Amino acid sequence: MRSSDGVELAVTAFGGTGAPVVLLHGLMSCAESWRPRAAALRPYGRVLAPDARGHGRSGRPSDPGDPVAWSPERLAADVVALLETLDAPAALVGHSMGGISALLAAAARPDLVGAVVAEDPPLDLTASPPHRLDDARAWFAAVAGPHPTRAALERALAGPDPEVGRHMGRCAVRRDDGWWLACAVDDALAVARHWVRTPLLDRACAVRVPLHVLEAGTSVAPPGQLAQLAGRVPGARHVRVPGTGHLVHDTAPETWTAEVTALLRATGGGAAASPG
């Protein structure tokens, strides 16, 4: 599909039938990262996952140096463009950057969204220390590539948590000089730069569809921020998952699946909404 500003966006279909369940990945990740979780969601609807602009198999803006092309609003507009092609309101399940996009899309177009699961979204990092982006650039540049093998890329990214390496390994691409993450460092930083400059919490609190907020035990969000989000959205549920890092869906897949499918059942998702 093509975004409203002309970027080609790739969408992966993971199967299932019925109302759409749209999975939105995080920064420097990709649609393929959802494959281990998608099977559990197929009984609840047709599972789709787009690659965000500049990620995975999707294209880049015509002017990648334009900050507006990487803004939260632009990423959310890409989600809305996908939703407009579907035949029913979708459940949006977003991690981190994808959680921001899910919340802003639902706030802007509630007619296209049946429910939202927002997993550890960084909605307001404006109090971050000035060196945060510089530190991120140094780390991204060190691990992005090239690596001699996919396994080497996974080891470089894993640190103390092998799940991070495996997650990012699903998004690796092979080029002439080795294996790379499927997102340019400058593009990732162009997205993240908005997060440290623009507070998004108030806009996310405008969501008025059923909402589950999943917070990592060690979250990227400032303490209390995600509980505040849930507290300001009528009927929202907030769950903090102890012992998890930012990738809750990979470090605690049973808990993540239980929370997501509970919301899908409650909002009438798929055959599993019926007895048995």
Protein backbone atom coordinates (compact mmCIF):
# COMPACT_ATOMS: atom_id res chain seq x y z
CA MET A 1 0.00 0.00 0.00
CA ARG A 2 1.00 3.64 -0.36
CA SER A 3 0.84 6.31 2.33
CA SER A 4 -0.82 9.65 1.73
CA ASP A 5 2.61 11.22 1.19
CA GLY A 6 3.71 8.57 -1.28
CA VAL A 7 5.74 6.11 0.83
CA GLU A 8 5.36 2.45 -0.10
CA LEU A 9 4.35 0.51 3.02
CA ALA A 10 4.66 -3.27 3.19
CA VAL A 11 2.04 -5.24 5.12
CA THR A 12 2.48 -8.83 6.28
CA ALA A 13 -0.61 -11.03 6.59
CA PHE A 14 -0.31 -13.66 9.32
CA GLY A 15 -3.63 -15.38 8.62
CA GLY A 16 -6.93 -15.62 10.45
CA THR A 17 -10.39 -14.41 9.46
CA GLY A 18 -12.81 -11.84 10.76
CA ALA A 19 -12.21 -8.39 12.18
CA PRO A 20 -8.66 -7.12 11.65
CA VAL A 21 -6.01 -7.31 14.37
CA VAL A 22 -3.17 -4.97 13.39
CA LEU A 23 0.23 -5.39 15.04
CA LEU A 24 2.49 -2.32 15.11
CA HIS A 25 6.19 -2.86 15.85
CA GLY A 26 8.68 -0.70 17.70
CA LEU A 27 11.64 1.41 16.65
CA MET A 28 14.25 -0.39 14.50
CA SER A 29 12.04 -3.49 14.50
CA CYS A 30 9.75 -4.82 11.75
CA ALA A 31 6.53 -6.69 11.04
CA GLU A 32 8.33 -10.03 11.00
CA SER A 33 9.18 -9.59 14.68
CA TRP A 34 5.54 -10.39 15.48
CA ARG A 35 5.57 -13.85 13.89
CA PRO A 36 6.04 -15.79 17.17
CA ARG A 37 3.01 -14.03 18.69
CA ALA A 38 0.71 -13.97 15.66
CA ALA A 39 -0.48 -17.58 15.79
CA ALA A 40 -2.16 -17.08 19.17
CA LEU A 41 -4.15 -14.16 17.77
CA ARG A 42 -5.45 -15.81 14.58
CA PRO A 43 -8.57 -17.26 16.28
CA TYR A 44 -9.61 -13.68 17.07
CA GLY A 45 -9.40 -12.12 13.62
CA ARG A 46 -7.33 -11.45 10.52
CA VAL A 47 -3.84 -10.63 11.77
CA LEU A 48 -1.89 -8.00 9.83
CA ALA A 49 1.38 -6.21 10.54
CA PRO A 50 2.76 -3.28 8.55
CA ASP A 51 6.41 -2.33 8.38
CA ALA A 52 6.60 1.28 9.49
CA ARG A 53 8.16 3.73 7.05
CA GLY A 54 11.92 3.30 6.95
CA HIS A 55 11.66 -0.14 8.55
CA GLY A 56 11.67 -3.68 7.19
CA ARG A 57 10.37 -3.88 3.62
CA SER A 58 8.74 -0.43 3.60
CA GLY A 59 10.14 2.55 1.77
CA ARG A 60 11.53 5.84 3.03
CA PRO A 61 10.07 9.31 2.51
CA SER A 62 11.14 11.16 -0.63
CA ASP A 63 12.93 13.66 1.63
CA PRO A 64 14.22 11.63 4.59
CA GLY A 65 15.83 14.76 5.99
CA ASP A 66 12.41 16.34 6.58
CA PRO A 67 11.63 15.95 10.30
CA VAL A 68 7.88 16.03 9.62
CA ALA A 69 8.22 12.83 7.59
CA TRP A 70 9.17 10.94 10.79
CA SER A 71 6.81 12.61 13.26
CA PRO A 72 4.41 10.66 15.50
CA GLU A 73 1.54 12.24 13.60
CA ARG A 74 2.94 11.03 10.26
CA LEU A 75 3.46 7.48 11.56
CA ALA A 76 -0.08 7.45 12.96
CA ALA A 77 -1.39 8.72 9.60
CA ASP A 78 0.24 5.70 7.96
CA VAL A 79 -1.72 3.45 10.32
CA VAL A 80 -4.93 5.31 9.52
CA ALA A 81 -4.23 4.85 5.80
CA LEU A 82 -4.06 1.09 6.35
CA LEU A 83 -7.21 1.07 8.46
CA GLU A 84 -9.09 2.90 5.71
CA THR A 85 -8.44 -0.05 3.38
CA LEU A 86 -9.99 -2.60 5.78
CA ASP A 87 -13.60 -3.72 5.88
CA ALA A 88 -14.15 -3.40 9.64
CA PRO A 89 -12.73 -1.51 12.64
CA ALA A 90 -9.44 -3.02 13.77
CA ALA A 91 -7.90 -3.87 17.10
CA LEU A 92 -4.51 -2.14 17.25
CA VAL A 93 -1.73 -3.84 19.21
CA GLY A 94 1.35 -1.65 19.33
CA HIS A 95 4.75 -1.93 20.99
CA SER A 96 6.74 1.20 21.88
CA MET A 97 6.75 3.34 18.71
CA GLY A 98 3.86 1.21 17.48
CA GLY A 99 2.01 1.86 20.73
CA ILE A 100 2.31 5.60 20.15
CA SER A 101 0.99 5.18 16.61
CA ALA A 102 -1.89 3.03 17.84
CA LEU A 103 -2.93 5.58 20.46
CA LEU A 104 -2.74 8.58 18.14
CA ALA A 105 -4.56 6.74 15.35
CA ALA A 106 -7.33 5.69 17.76
CA ALA A 107 -7.65 9.23 19.12
CA ALA A 108 -7.87 10.67 15.61
CA ARG A 109 -10.13 8.04 14.02
CA PRO A 110 -12.09 6.10 16.66
CA ASP A 111 -14.49 5.01 13.92
CA LEU A 112 -11.72 2.82 12.49
CA VAL A 113 -10.51 1.31 15.77
CA GLY A 114 -12.25 -1.26 17.94
CA ALA A 115 -9.66 -1.54 20.74
CA VAL A 116 -6.02 -0.72 21.55
CA VAL A 117 -3.27 -2.55 23.38
CA ALA A 118 -0.36 -0.18 24.03
CA GLU A 119 2.80 -1.96 25.17
CA ASP A 120 5.37 0.26 26.91
CA PRO A 121 4.96 3.37 24.72
CA PRO A 122 7.34 6.30 25.46
CA LEU A 123 4.72 9.04 25.45
CA ASP A 124 6.70 11.81 27.13
CA LEU A 125 10.49 11.72 27.24
CA THR A 126 10.89 15.51 27.26
CA ALA A 127 12.64 15.36 30.64
CA SER A 128 15.37 13.11 29.22
CA PRO A 129 18.99 14.20 29.76
CA PRO A 130 20.49 16.12 26.82
CA HIS A 131 22.85 13.27 25.92
CA ARG A 132 20.11 10.66 25.51
CA LEU A 133 19.95 10.90 21.70
CA ASP A 134 23.74 10.95 21.42
CA ASP A 135 23.91 7.78 23.50
CA ALA A 136 21.22 6.20 21.33
CA ARG A 137 23.09 7.14 18.15
CA ALA A 138 26.32 5.61 19.45
CA TRP A 139 24.58 2.38 20.44
CA PHE A 140 22.54 2.06 17.24
CA ALA A 141 25.61 2.73 15.10
CA ALA A 142 27.62 0.13 17.00
CA VAL A 143 25.07 -2.65 16.57
CA ALA A 144 23.31 -1.87 13.27
CA GLY A 145 25.91 -3.64 11.14
CA PRO A 146 27.58 -5.05 9.26
CA HIS A 147 27.79 -8.43 11.01
CA PRO A 148 29.21 -11.58 9.42
CA THR A 149 26.13 -13.66 10.26
CA ARG A 150 22.59 -13.19 11.53
CA ALA A 151 23.66 -14.96 14.72
CA ALA A 152 26.47 -12.45 15.21
CA LEU A 153 23.98 -9.60 14.87
CA GLU A 154 21.74 -11.24 17.45
CA ARG A 155 24.64 -11.63 19.88
CA ALA A 156 25.65 -7.98 19.44
CA LEU A 157 22.12 -6.80 20.22
CA ALA A 158 21.31 -9.23 23.01
CA GLY A 159 23.38 -7.82 25.86
CA PRO A 160 22.01 -9.38 29.05
CA ASP A 161 18.70 -10.31 27.36
CA PRO A 162 18.87 -12.89 24.55
CA GLU A 163 15.24 -12.19 23.65
CA VAL A 164 16.27 -8.76 22.37
CA GLY A 165 18.81 -10.34 20.05
CA ARG A 166 16.36 -12.91 18.73
CA HIS A 167 13.69 -10.23 18.25
CA MET A 168 15.97 -7.96 16.25
CA GLY A 169 17.44 -10.89 14.35
CA ARG A 170 14.03 -11.43 12.77
CA CYS A 171 14.43 -7.99 11.23
CA ALA A 172 17.95 -8.48 9.88
CA VAL A 173 18.71 -8.11 6.17
CA ARG A 174 21.69 -9.46 4.28
CA ARG A 175 23.64 -7.01 2.12
CA ASP A 176 26.87 -7.36 0.17
CA ASP A 177 29.01 -6.54 3.22
CA GLY A 178 27.10 -8.57 5.82
CA TRP A 179 23.98 -8.53 7.99
CA TRP A 180 22.28 -5.28 9.03
CA LEU A 181 19.21 -4.15 10.91
CA ALA A 182 16.47 -3.21 8.46
CA CYS A 183 16.33 0.45 9.53
CA ALA A 184 18.90 3.19 8.99
CA VAL A 185 20.32 4.72 12.17
CA ASP A 186 19.57 8.27 11.00
CA ASP A 187 15.94 7.34 10.28
CA ALA A 188 15.50 5.77 13.71
CA LEU A 189 16.95 8.84 15.39
CA ALA A 190 14.69 11.11 13.34
CA VAL A 191 11.73 9.26 14.87
CA ALA A 192 13.15 9.26 18.41
CA ARG A 193 14.04 12.95 18.25
CA HIS A 194 10.34 13.80 18.32
CA TRP A 195 9.87 11.79 21.52
CA VAL A 196 12.35 13.89 23.51
CA ARG A 197 10.92 17.15 22.18
CA THR A 198 7.16 16.66 22.02
CA PRO A 199 4.97 15.42 24.89
CA LEU A 200 2.29 13.04 23.64
CA LEU A 201 0.60 11.92 26.86
CA ASP A 202 -2.30 14.37 26.73
CA ARG A 203 -3.10 13.41 23.14
CA ALA A 204 -2.97 9.72 23.96
CA CYS A 205 -5.38 10.31 26.83
CA ALA A 206 -8.00 11.38 24.28
CA VAL A 207 -8.51 7.73 23.30
CA ARG A 208 -12.10 6.63 23.87
CA VAL A 209 -12.01 3.02 22.68
CA PRO A 210 -11.29 0.04 24.97
CA LEU A 211 -7.65 0.26 26.04
CA HIS A 212 -5.17 -2.04 27.76
CA VAL A 213 -1.82 -0.53 28.75
CA LEU A 214 1.01 -2.99 29.33
CA GLU A 215 4.05 -1.64 31.15
CA ALA A 216 7.39 -3.40 31.32
CA GLY A 217 8.90 -4.11 34.71
CA THR A 218 11.86 -2.05 33.50
CA SER A 219 10.06 0.47 31.32
CA VAL A 220 11.30 3.10 28.91
CA ALA A 221 8.47 5.34 30.13
CA PRO A 222 9.03 7.55 33.18
CA PRO A 223 7.61 6.11 36.42
CA GLY A 224 3.87 6.54 36.75
CA GLN A 225 3.32 7.78 33.21
CA LEU A 226 1.57 4.71 31.83
CA ALA A 227 -0.57 4.33 34.94
CA GLN A 228 -1.58 7.95 34.42
CA LEU A 229 -2.53 7.18 30.82
CA ALA A 230 -4.81 4.35 31.90
CA GLY A 231 -6.25 6.44 34.71
CA ARG A 232 -7.27 9.21 32.34
CA VAL A 233 -8.94 6.96 29.73
CA PRO A 234 -12.34 5.75 30.95
CA GLY A 235 -12.42 2.00 31.49
CA ALA A 236 -8.76 1.45 30.57
CA ARG A 237 -6.72 -1.32 32.19
CA HIS A 238 -3.08 -0.91 33.26
CA VAL A 239 -0.87 -3.93 33.91
CA ARG A 240 2.77 -3.74 34.92
CA VAL A 241 4.60 -6.99 34.17
CA PRO A 242 7.41 -7.51 36.71
CA GLY A 243 10.66 -9.00 35.54
CA THR A 244 10.32 -7.82 31.97
CA GLY A 245 12.28 -5.41 29.87
CA HIS A 246 10.91 -3.25 27.09
CA LEU A 247 9.92 -6.24 24.92
CA VAL A 248 7.11 -7.54 27.11
CA HIS A 249 5.63 -9.62 24.30
CA ASP A 250 8.89 -11.56 23.96
CA THR A 251 10.04 -11.74 27.58
CA ALA A 252 6.59 -12.63 28.99
CA PRO A 253 4.68 -14.03 26.00
CA GLU A 254 2.08 -15.90 28.08
CA THR A 255 1.13 -12.77 30.04
CA TRP A 256 1.12 -10.64 26.90
CA THR A 257 -1.06 -13.12 25.01
CA ALA A 258 -3.50 -13.41 27.92
CA GLU A 259 -3.90 -9.63 28.13
CA VAL A 260 -4.29 -9.12 24.39
CA THR A 261 -6.73 -11.96 23.86
CA ALA A 262 -8.79 -10.90 26.88
CA LEU A 263 -9.34 -7.52 25.26
CA LEU A 264 -10.12 -9.11 21.91
CA ARG A 265 -12.70 -11.39 23.52
CA ALA A 266 -14.23 -8.50 25.43
CA THR A 267 -14.59 -6.46 22.25
CA GLY A 268 -16.06 -9.32 20.21
CA GLY A 269 -12.97 -10.47 18.40
CA GLY A 270 -13.34 -13.57 16.25
CA ALA A 271 -14.61 -17.05 16.89
CA ALA A 272 -13.06 -17.09 20.33
CA ALA A 273 -15.72 -14.65 21.48
CA SER A 274 -18.18 -17.53 21.26
CA PRO A 275 -18.50 -20.19 24.01
CA GLY A 276 -15.83 -22.88 23.81
